[in-house]
Protein backbone atom coordinates (compact mmCIF):
# COMPACT_ATOMS: atom_id res chain seq x y z
CA UNK A 1 14.89 7.19 8.81
CA UNK A 2 13.25 9.52 6.47
CA UNK A 3 13.19 13.38 7.84
CA UNK A 4 9.74 14.50 7.41
CA UNK A 5 9.18 18.29 6.74
CA UNK A 6 5.86 19.23 8.22
CA UNK A 7 3.40 22.09 8.67
CA UNK A 8 0.61 21.97 10.96
CA UNK A 9 -3.16 23.41 10.13
CA UNK A 10 -4.19 25.12 13.67
CA UNK A 11 -7.96 25.41 14.25
CA UNK A 12 -9.11 28.96 15.65
CA UNK A 13 -8.80 27.78 19.09
CA UNK A 14 -4.81 26.48 18.66
CA UNK A 15 -5.78 23.06 18.28
CA UNK A 16 -3.88 20.90 15.34
CA UNK A 17 -6.30 19.63 12.87
CA UNK A 18 -3.96 18.49 10.04
CA UNK A 19 -0.17 17.82 8.76
CA UNK A 20 0.85 19.26 5.60
CA UNK A 21 4.09 17.84 3.95
CA UNK A 22 5.40 17.95 0.63
CA UNK A 23 4.51 15.98 -2.23
CA UNK A 24 7.67 14.10 -2.65
CA UNK A 25 7.38 13.24 0.52
CA UNK A 26 3.84 11.87 0.72
CA UNK A 27 5.12 9.76 -2.60
CA UNK A 28 7.73 8.19 -0.55
CA UNK A 29 5.48 7.23 2.27
CA UNK A 30 3.15 5.68 0.26
CA UNK A 31 5.71 3.78 -2.01
CA UNK A 32 7.09 2.55 1.38
CA UNK A 33 3.61 1.47 2.35
CA UNK A 34 2.76 -0.19 -0.60
CA UNK A 35 6.29 -2.32 -0.43
CA UNK A 36 5.68 -3.24 2.97
CA UNK A 37 2.05 -4.48 2.21
CA UNK A 38 3.46 -6.50 -0.61
CA UNK A 39 6.18 -8.10 1.51
CA UNK A 40 3.84 -9.08 4.25
CA UNK A 41 1.20 -10.52 1.68
CA UNK A 42 4.14 -12.53 -0.08
CA UNK A 43 5.09 -13.86 3.12
CA UNK A 44 0.98 -14.99 3.88
CA UNK A 45 1.24 -16.86 0.70
CA UNK A 46 4.72 -18.15 0.90
CA UNK A 47 3.22 -21.71 1.62
CA UNK A 48 0.65 -21.88 -0.73
CA UNK A 49 0.82 -24.22 -3.86
CA UNK A 50 1.08 -22.71 -7.13
CA UNK A 51 -1.06 -23.64 -10.00
CA UNK A 52 -0.06 -25.11 -13.15
CA UNK A 53 -0.36 -23.17 -16.46
CA UNK A 54 -3.59 -25.08 -17.26
CA UNK A 55 -4.87 -24.54 -13.87
CA UNK A 56 -4.24 -21.10 -14.00
CA UNK A 57 -5.84 -20.67 -17.42
CA UNK A 58 -8.76 -22.64 -16.11
CA UNK A 59 -9.01 -20.43 -13.27
CA UNK A 60 -9.06 -16.95 -15.21
CA UNK A 61 -11.69 -18.00 -17.59
CA UNK A 62 -14.04 -19.16 -14.65
CA UNK A 63 -13.47 -15.66 -13.45
CA UNK A 64 -14.19 -14.16 -16.60
CA UNK A 65 -17.95 -15.84 -16.59
CA UNK A 66 -18.82 -14.63 -13.27
């Protein structure tokens, strides 16, 4: 598991309001979330039929016209 060094931003009445993390850690978290989301999407479309090259080109051309 990723060890996250964090600092808290505290309000005047000592309530935690925000968390500060270094940029490298943030980028690693962001990359992990994007990879997870891509994996979930790939699972969702796994059973869908693929388009042939001509079908894909036709579909893409219709999108450009809209």
